[in-house]
Amino acid sequence: MTLTLTPPRLALTLTAASVMLATNLFVATAAEADETPSVPPGTEATAAAPVKVDANDPDLKLPEGATLAEPKVLDIKQVVEDQSGEERREDTNADVKFALQAEVLFGKDSAKLSGQSKARIAAIADEIKKQNATRIRVFGFTDNLGTSAHGDVLSKQRANAVQDVLESELNDANVTYEVRGYGEQYPISDNSTEAGRKKNRRVEVSFPRTES
């Protein structure tokens, strides 16, 4: 069973769960939190779609007396994005991640935060407090326009700017930060269109969620 909870201020929800069927049992592996974030969480390759199964295939019959194990659900990812696409939230069993498009935070080719952007970052800080998280990752990304070296520098500067606001809002010496600029690496959309490049220009803030 998959249960989707939708935060009230955001509009679209997508819930994905994967269950694999073997010949005589269900096999599932619980997802684990990424402890080596040199690769941004959420960018790992996903499993291929399961092969279609012919339910009438006689080879699928269970041996006499055998039964199927109870189905298990893998880690569930809930993705909520506002209608403008400016902000996206992803929830899994282990982590919470916010992605903010660079245009809502900074001017073009700038790492200086706008006045209204600080309110968006403050809202993320409130969620961090709610989850009692003490390990925060702030990752910056750009599109593939310009040189790779420039994108690396700009994305790191933007991540630093967001981290500065989070640190001010949280004001907690127990909180540690990992701040990285990945430049044009790890795009989430097609860089051949402006719409895609806009999605790729972003800052992501992620942290562990409270175990329930």
C-alpha atoms as a PDB file:
ATOM      1  CA  MET A   1       0.000   0.000   0.000  1.00  0.00           C
ATOM      2  CA  THR A   2       1.312   3.478  -0.861  1.00  0.00           C
ATOM      3  CA  LEU A   3       0.174   6.469   1.149  1.00  0.00           C
ATOM      4  CA  THR A   4       0.892   9.962  -0.196  1.00  0.00           C
ATOM      5  CA  LEU A   5       0.783  13.005   2.073  1.00  0.00           C
ATOM      6  CA  THR A   6       0.756  16.367   0.290  1.00  0.00           C
ATOM      7  CA  PRO A   7       2.142  19.510   1.969  1.00  0.00           C
ATOM      8  CA  PRO A   8      -0.672  22.120   1.867  1.00  0.00           C
ATOM      9  CA  ARG A   9       1.152  24.948   0.055  1.00  0.00           C
ATOM     10  CA  LEU A  10       2.502  23.015  -2.874  1.00  0.00           C
ATOM     11  CA  ALA A  11       0.516  21.769  -5.823  1.00  0.00           C
ATOM     12  CA  LEU A  12       1.682  18.594  -7.517  1.00  0.00           C
ATOM     13  CA  THR A  13       2.526  15.260  -5.901  1.00  0.00           C
ATOM     14  CA  LEU A  14       4.170  12.251  -7.440  1.00  0.00           C
ATOM     15  CA  THR A  15       4.690   9.111  -5.428  1.00  0.00           C
ATOM     16  CA  ALA A  16       6.751   6.208  -6.688  1.00  0.00           C
ATOM     17  CA  ALA A  17       7.115   2.756  -5.132  1.00  0.00           C
ATOM     18  CA  SER A  18       8.810  -0.321  -6.564  1.00  0.00           C
ATOM     19  CA  VAL A  19       7.978  -3.966  -5.769  1.00  0.00           C
ATOM     20  CA  MET A  20       9.809  -6.843  -7.522  1.00  0.00           C
ATOM     21  CA  LEU A  21       8.194 -10.265  -7.992  1.00  0.00           C
ATOM     22  CA  ALA A  22      10.353 -13.427  -8.103  1.00  0.00           C
ATOM     23  CA  THR A  23       9.098 -16.941  -8.815  1.00  0.00           C
ATOM     24  CA  ASN A  24       8.385 -17.815  -5.231  1.00  0.00           C
ATOM     25  CA  LEU A  25       8.887 -14.730  -3.123  1.00  0.00           C
ATOM     26  CA  PHE A  26       9.081 -10.947  -3.138  1.00  0.00           C
ATOM     27  CA  VAL A  27      12.547  -9.536  -2.637  1.00  0.00           C
ATOM     28  CA  ALA A  28      13.069  -5.982  -1.414  1.00  0.00           C
ATOM     29  CA  THR A  29      15.997  -3.998  -0.071  1.00  0.00           C
ATOM     30  CA  ALA A  30      15.511  -0.914   2.059  1.00  0.00           C
ATOM     31  CA  ALA A  31      17.166   2.221   0.744  1.00  0.00           C
ATOM     32  CA  GLU A  32      19.913   3.710   2.877  1.00  0.00           C
ATOM     33  CA  ALA A  33      20.882   7.333   3.385  1.00  0.00           C
ATOM     34  CA  ASP A  34      23.878   8.418   1.319  1.00  0.00           C
ATOM     35  CA  GLU A  35      26.823   8.824   3.676  1.00  0.00           C
ATOM     36  CA  THR A  36      29.294   9.771   0.912  1.00  0.00           C
ATOM     37  CA  PRO A  37      27.733  12.813  -0.759  1.00  0.00           C
ATOM     38  CA  SER A  38      30.458  13.385  -3.338  1.00  0.00           C
ATOM     39  CA  VAL A  39      27.609  12.410  -5.667  1.00  0.00           C
ATOM     40  CA  PRO A  40      24.501  14.441  -4.837  1.00  0.00           C
ATOM     41  CA  PRO A  41      21.722  12.426  -3.186  1.00  0.00           C
ATOM     42  CA  GLY A  42      18.962  11.594  -5.644  1.00  0.00           C
ATOM     43  CA  THR A  43      21.216  11.404  -8.706  1.00  0.00           C
ATOM     44  CA  GLU A  44      21.966   7.705  -8.404  1.00  0.00           C
ATOM     45  CA  ALA A  45      20.883   5.458 -11.273  1.00  0.00           C
ATOM     46  CA  THR A  46      17.443   3.943 -10.769  1.00  0.00           C
ATOM     47  CA  ALA A  47      16.527   0.313 -11.354  1.00  0.00           C
ATOM     48  CA  ALA A  48      15.304  -0.728 -14.793  1.00  0.00           C
ATOM     49  CA  ALA A  49      11.607  -1.359 -15.312  1.00  0.00           C
ATOM     50  CA  PRO A  50      10.607  -4.943 -14.496  1.00  0.00           C
ATOM     51  CA  VAL A  51      10.154  -7.383 -17.347  1.00  0.00           C
ATOM     52  CA  LYS A  52       6.535  -8.111 -18.269  1.00  0.00           C
ATOM     53  CA  VAL A  53       5.383 -11.422 -16.895  1.00  0.00           C
ATOM     54  CA  ASP A  54       2.915 -13.805 -18.502  1.00  0.00           C
ATOM     55  CA  ALA A  55       0.590 -14.787 -15.692  1.00  0.00           C
ATOM     56  CA  ASN A  56      -0.407 -17.936 -17.573  1.00  0.00           C
ATOM     57  CA  ASP A  57       3.166 -19.220 -17.973  1.00  0.00           C
ATOM     58  CA  PRO A  58       3.222 -22.717 -16.415  1.00  0.00           C
ATOM     59  CA  ASP A  59       6.802 -22.170 -15.253  1.00  0.00           C
ATOM     60  CA  LEU A  60       5.521 -19.545 -12.836  1.00  0.00           C
ATOM     61  CA  LYS A  61       3.450 -22.037 -10.875  1.00  0.00           C
ATOM     62  CA  LEU A  62       4.574 -22.431  -7.284  1.00  0.00           C
ATOM     63  CA  PRO A  63       5.673 -25.852  -6.060  1.00  0.00           C
ATOM     64  CA  GLU A  64       3.048 -27.678  -4.055  1.00  0.00           C
ATOM     65  CA  GLY A  65       2.769 -26.230  -0.581  1.00  0.00           C
ATOM     66  CA  ALA A  66       4.772 -23.077  -1.428  1.00  0.00           C
ATOM     67  CA  THR A  67       3.356 -19.611  -0.773  1.00  0.00           C
ATOM     68  CA  LEU A  68       4.350 -16.075  -1.699  1.00  0.00           C
ATOM     69  CA  ALA A  69       6.020 -13.936   0.924  1.00  0.00           C
ATOM     70  CA  GLU A  70       4.351 -10.720   1.997  1.00  0.00           C
ATOM     71  CA  PRO A  71       5.116  -7.872  -0.452  1.00  0.00           C
ATOM     72  CA  LYS A  72       7.522  -5.208   0.753  1.00  0.00           C
ATOM     73  CA  VAL A  73       7.734  -1.613  -0.417  1.00  0.00           C
ATOM     74  CA  LEU A  74      11.068  -0.070  -1.276  1.00  0.00           C
ATOM     75  CA  ASP A  75      11.929   3.466  -0.275  1.00  0.00           C
ATOM     76  CA  ILE A  76       9.144   5.830  -1.336  1.00  0.00           C
ATOM     77  CA  LYS A  77      10.033   9.141  -2.931  1.00  0.00           C
ATOM     78  CA  GLN A  78       7.427  11.879  -2.830  1.00  0.00           C
ATOM     79  CA  VAL A  79       8.085  14.818  -5.151  1.00  0.00           C
ATOM     80  CA  VAL A  80       6.132  18.053  -4.780  1.00  0.00           C
ATOM     81  CA  GLU A  81       6.712  21.000  -7.118  1.00  0.00           C
ATOM     82  CA  ASP A  82       4.926  24.322  -7.194  1.00  0.00           C
ATOM     83  CA  GLN A  83       3.087  25.201 -10.398  1.00  0.00           C
ATOM     84  CA  SER A  84       5.760  27.655 -11.525  1.00  0.00           C
ATOM     85  CA  GLY A  85       8.508  25.060 -11.080  1.00  0.00           C
ATOM     86  CA  GLU A  86      10.519  27.480  -8.963  1.00  0.00           C
ATOM     87  CA  GLU A  87      10.648  25.220  -5.925  1.00  0.00           C
ATOM     88  CA  ARG A  88      10.632  21.449  -5.548  1.00  0.00           C
ATOM     89  CA  ARG A  89      10.559  19.275  -2.450  1.00  0.00           C
ATOM     90  CA  GLU A  90      11.521  15.615  -2.393  1.00  0.00           C
ATOM     91  CA  ASP A  91      10.823  13.364   0.601  1.00  0.00           C
ATOM     92  CA  THR A  92      12.110   9.833   1.072  1.00  0.00           C
ATOM     93  CA  ASN A  93      12.132   7.629   4.151  1.00  0.00           C
ATOM     94  CA  ALA A  94      15.626   8.928   4.918  1.00  0.00           C
ATOM     95  CA  ASP A  95      15.957  12.495   3.631  1.00  0.00           C
ATOM     96  CA  VAL A  96      14.254  15.767   2.776  1.00  0.00           C
ATOM     97  CA  LYS A  97      15.554  17.796  -0.166  1.00  0.00           C
ATOM     98  CA  PHE A  98      14.553  21.245  -1.368  1.00  0.00           C
ATOM     99  CA  ALA A  99      15.587  22.526  -4.790  1.00  0.00           C
ATOM    100  CA  LEU A 100      15.250  26.234  -5.551  1.00  0.00           C
ATOM    101  CA  GLN A 101      15.764  27.588  -9.048  1.00  0.00           C
ATOM    102  CA  ALA A 102      18.606  30.094  -9.212  1.00  0.00           C
ATOM    103  CA  GLU A 103      16.336  32.752 -10.790  1.00  0.00           C
ATOM    104  CA  VAL A 104      14.244  33.017  -7.623  1.00  0.00           C
ATOM    105  CA  LEU A 105      17.365  33.474  -5.480  1.00  0.00           C
ATOM    106  CA  PHE A 106      19.883  35.431  -7.547  1.00  0.00           C
ATOM    107  CA  GLY A 107      20.249  37.820 -10.429  1.00  0.00           C
ATOM    108  CA  LYS A 108      21.733  36.619 -13.706  1.00  0.00           C
ATOM    109  CA  ASP A 109      25.313  35.362 -13.286  1.00  0.00           C
ATOM    110  CA  SER A 110      25.275  36.619  -9.678  1.00  0.00           C
ATOM    111  CA  ALA A 111      25.711  35.038  -6.249  1.00  0.00           C
ATOM    112  CA  LYS A 112      24.021  37.922  -4.390  1.00  0.00           C
ATOM    113  CA  LEU A 113      20.727  36.876  -2.841  1.00  0.00           C
ATOM    114  CA  SER A 114      17.625  38.947  -3.516  1.00  0.00           C
ATOM    115  CA  GLY A 115      15.545  40.255  -0.642  1.00  0.00           C
ATOM    116  CA  GLN A 116      12.593  37.929  -1.165  1.00  0.00           C
ATOM    117  CA  SER A 117      14.831  34.879  -1.572  1.00  0.00           C
ATOM    118  CA  LYS A 118      15.774  35.004   2.095  1.00  0.00           C
ATOM    119  CA  ALA A 119      12.156  34.286   3.071  1.00  0.00           C
ATOM    120  CA  ARG A 120      12.255  31.091   0.977  1.00  0.00           C
ATOM    121  CA  ILE A 121      15.472  29.987   2.667  1.00  0.00           C
ATOM    122  CA  ALA A 122      14.024  30.827   6.084  1.00  0.00           C
ATOM    123  CA  ALA A 123      11.103  28.480   5.332  1.00  0.00           C
ATOM    124  CA  ILE A 124      13.607  25.687   4.642  1.00  0.00           C
ATOM    125  CA  ALA A 125      15.327  26.499   7.942  1.00  0.00           C
ATOM    126  CA  ASP A 126      11.972  26.054   9.694  1.00  0.00           C
ATOM    127  CA  GLU A 127      11.669  22.561   8.206  1.00  0.00           C
ATOM    128  CA  ILE A 128      15.219  21.729   9.308  1.00  0.00           C
ATOM    129  CA  LYS A 129      14.255  22.718  12.851  1.00  0.00           C
ATOM    130  CA  LYS A 130      11.112  20.596  12.632  1.00  0.00           C
ATOM    131  CA  GLN A 131      13.182  17.566  11.609  1.00  0.00           C
ATOM    132  CA  ASN A 132      15.826  18.296  14.274  1.00  0.00           C
ATOM    133  CA  ALA A 133      18.461  17.842  11.572  1.00  0.00           C
ATOM    134  CA  THR A 134      22.084  18.639  12.392  1.00  0.00           C
ATOM    135  CA  ARG A 135      23.750  17.645   9.078  1.00  0.00           C
ATOM    136  CA  ILE A 136      22.882  19.969   6.199  1.00  0.00           C
ATOM    137  CA  ARG A 137      24.054  19.656   2.598  1.00  0.00           C
ATOM    138  CA  VAL A 138      23.927  22.706   0.352  1.00  0.00           C
ATOM    139  CA  PHE A 139      24.789  21.981  -3.282  1.00  0.00           C
ATOM    140  CA  GLY A 140      24.878  24.483  -6.142  1.00  0.00           C
ATOM    141  CA  PHE A 141      24.401  23.668  -9.837  1.00  0.00           C
ATOM    142  CA  THR A 142      24.424  25.586 -13.130  1.00  0.00           C
ATOM    143  CA  ASP A 143      23.503  24.890 -16.742  1.00  0.00           C
ATOM    144  CA  ASN A 144      26.140  24.101 -19.402  1.00  0.00           C
ATOM    145  CA  LEU A 145      26.404  27.620 -20.825  1.00  0.00           C
ATOM    146  CA  GLY A 146      29.749  29.346 -20.349  1.00  0.00           C
ATOM    147  CA  THR A 147      32.895  27.552 -19.267  1.00  0.00           C
ATOM    148  CA  SER A 148      32.872  24.629 -16.897  1.00  0.00           C
ATOM    149  CA  ALA A 149      35.317  26.416 -14.580  1.00  0.00           C
ATOM    150  CA  HIS A 150      33.034  29.467 -14.336  1.00  0.00           C
ATOM    151  CA  GLY A 151      30.051  27.244 -13.538  1.00  0.00           C
ATOM    152  CA  ASP A 152      31.992  25.490 -10.776  1.00  0.00           C
ATOM    153  CA  VAL A 153      32.897  28.798  -9.128  1.00  0.00           C
ATOM    154  CA  LEU A 154      29.443  30.379  -9.492  1.00  0.00           C
ATOM    155  CA  SER A 155      27.602  27.317  -8.185  1.00  0.00           C
ATOM    156  CA  LYS A 156      29.874  27.165  -5.112  1.00  0.00           C
ATOM    157  CA  GLN A 157      29.398  30.891  -4.442  1.00  0.00           C
ATOM    158  CA  ARG A 158      25.630  30.488  -4.636  1.00  0.00           C
ATOM    159  CA  ALA A 159      25.699  27.480  -2.318  1.00  0.00           C
ATOM    160  CA  ASN A 160      27.786  29.501   0.151  1.00  0.00           C
ATOM    161  CA  ALA A 161      25.251  32.348   0.038  1.00  0.00           C
ATOM    162  CA  VAL A 162      22.361  30.013   0.857  1.00  0.00           C
ATOM    163  CA  GLN A 163      24.365  28.344   3.613  1.00  0.00           C
ATOM    164  CA  ASP A 164      25.086  31.740   5.205  1.00  0.00           C
ATOM    165  CA  VAL A 165      21.354  32.462   5.508  1.00  0.00           C
ATOM    166  CA  LEU A 166      20.610  28.986   6.870  1.00  0.00           C
ATOM    167  CA  GLU A 167      23.342  29.359   9.466  1.00  0.00           C
ATOM    168  CA  SER A 168      21.940  32.737  10.526  1.00  0.00           C
ATOM    169  CA  GLU A 169      18.379  31.390  10.741  1.00  0.00           C
ATOM    170  CA  LEU A 170      19.279  28.199  12.615  1.00  0.00           C
ATOM    171  CA  ASN A 171      21.866  29.800  14.919  1.00  0.00           C
ATOM    172  CA  ASP A 172      22.882  26.373  16.210  1.00  0.00           C
ATOM    173  CA  ALA A 173      26.517  25.439  16.847  1.00  0.00           C
ATOM    174  CA  ASN A 174      25.605  21.739  16.659  1.00  0.00           C
ATOM    175  CA  VAL A 175      24.617  21.982  12.997  1.00  0.00           C
ATOM    176  CA  THR A 176      27.293  21.044  10.455  1.00  0.00           C
ATOM    177  CA  TYR A 177      27.238  21.937   6.770  1.00  0.00           C
ATOM    178  CA  GLU A 178      28.611  20.401   3.627  1.00  0.00           C
ATOM    179  CA  VAL A 179      28.702  23.022   0.881  1.00  0.00           C
ATOM    180  CA  ARG A 180      29.657  22.152  -2.701  1.00  0.00           C
ATOM    181  CA  GLY A 181      29.461  23.635  -6.147  1.00  0.00           C
ATOM    182  CA  TYR A 182      28.962  21.092  -8.906  1.00  0.00           C
ATOM    183  CA  GLY A 183      28.655  23.499 -11.827  1.00  0.00           C
ATOM    184  CA  GLU A 184      27.089  21.829 -14.845  1.00  0.00           C
ATOM    185  CA  GLN A 185      27.408  18.308 -13.418  1.00  0.00           C
ATOM    186  CA  TYR A 186      24.281  16.327 -12.554  1.00  0.00           C
ATOM    187  CA  PRO A 187      21.659  18.120 -14.687  1.00  0.00           C
ATOM    188  CA  ILE A 188      18.059  17.216 -13.902  1.00  0.00           C
ATOM    189  CA  SER A 189      16.721  18.404 -17.254  1.00  0.00           C
ATOM    190  CA  ASP A 190      17.728  18.836 -20.900  1.00  0.00           C
ATOM    191  CA  ASN A 191      20.367  21.534 -21.362  1.00  0.00           C
ATOM    192  CA  SER A 192      19.465  21.903 -25.045  1.00  0.00           C
ATOM    193  CA  THR A 193      16.423  24.071 -24.180  1.00  0.00           C
ATOM    194  CA  GLU A 194      16.119  27.192 -22.035  1.00  0.00           C
ATOM    195  CA  ALA A 195      13.326  25.556 -20.029  1.00  0.00           C
ATOM    196  CA  GLY A 196      15.656  22.673 -19.220  1.00  0.00           C
ATOM    197  CA  ARG A 197      18.608  24.924 -18.426  1.00  0.00           C
ATOM    198  CA  LYS A 198      16.413  26.915 -16.060  1.00  0.00           C
ATOM    199  CA  LYS A 199      15.693  23.761 -14.037  1.00  0.00           C
ATOM    200  CA  ASN A 200      19.389  22.898 -13.958  1.00  0.00           C
ATOM    201  CA  ARG A 201      20.342  26.293 -12.494  1.00  0.00           C
ATOM    202  CA  ARG A 202      19.472  25.533  -8.892  1.00  0.00           C
ATOM    203  CA  VAL A 203      20.568  25.230  -5.272  1.00  0.00           C
ATOM    204  CA  GLU A 204      19.621  22.091  -3.352  1.00  0.00           C
ATOM    205  CA  VAL A 205      19.371  21.830   0.436  1.00  0.00           C
ATOM    206  CA  SER A 206      19.062  18.332   1.861  1.00  0.00           C
ATOM    207  CA  PHE A 207      19.079  16.846   5.363  1.00  0.00           C
ATOM    208  CA  PRO A 208      18.028  13.659   7.179  1.00  0.00           C
ATOM    209  CA  ARG A 209      14.416  13.429   8.189  1.00  0.00           C
ATOM    210  CA  THR A 210      13.226  12.449  11.645  1.00  0.00           C
ATOM    211  CA  GLU A 211      12.664   8.730  12.012  1.00  0.00           C
ATOM    212  CA  SER A 212       9.028   7.931  12.694  1.00  0.00           C
END
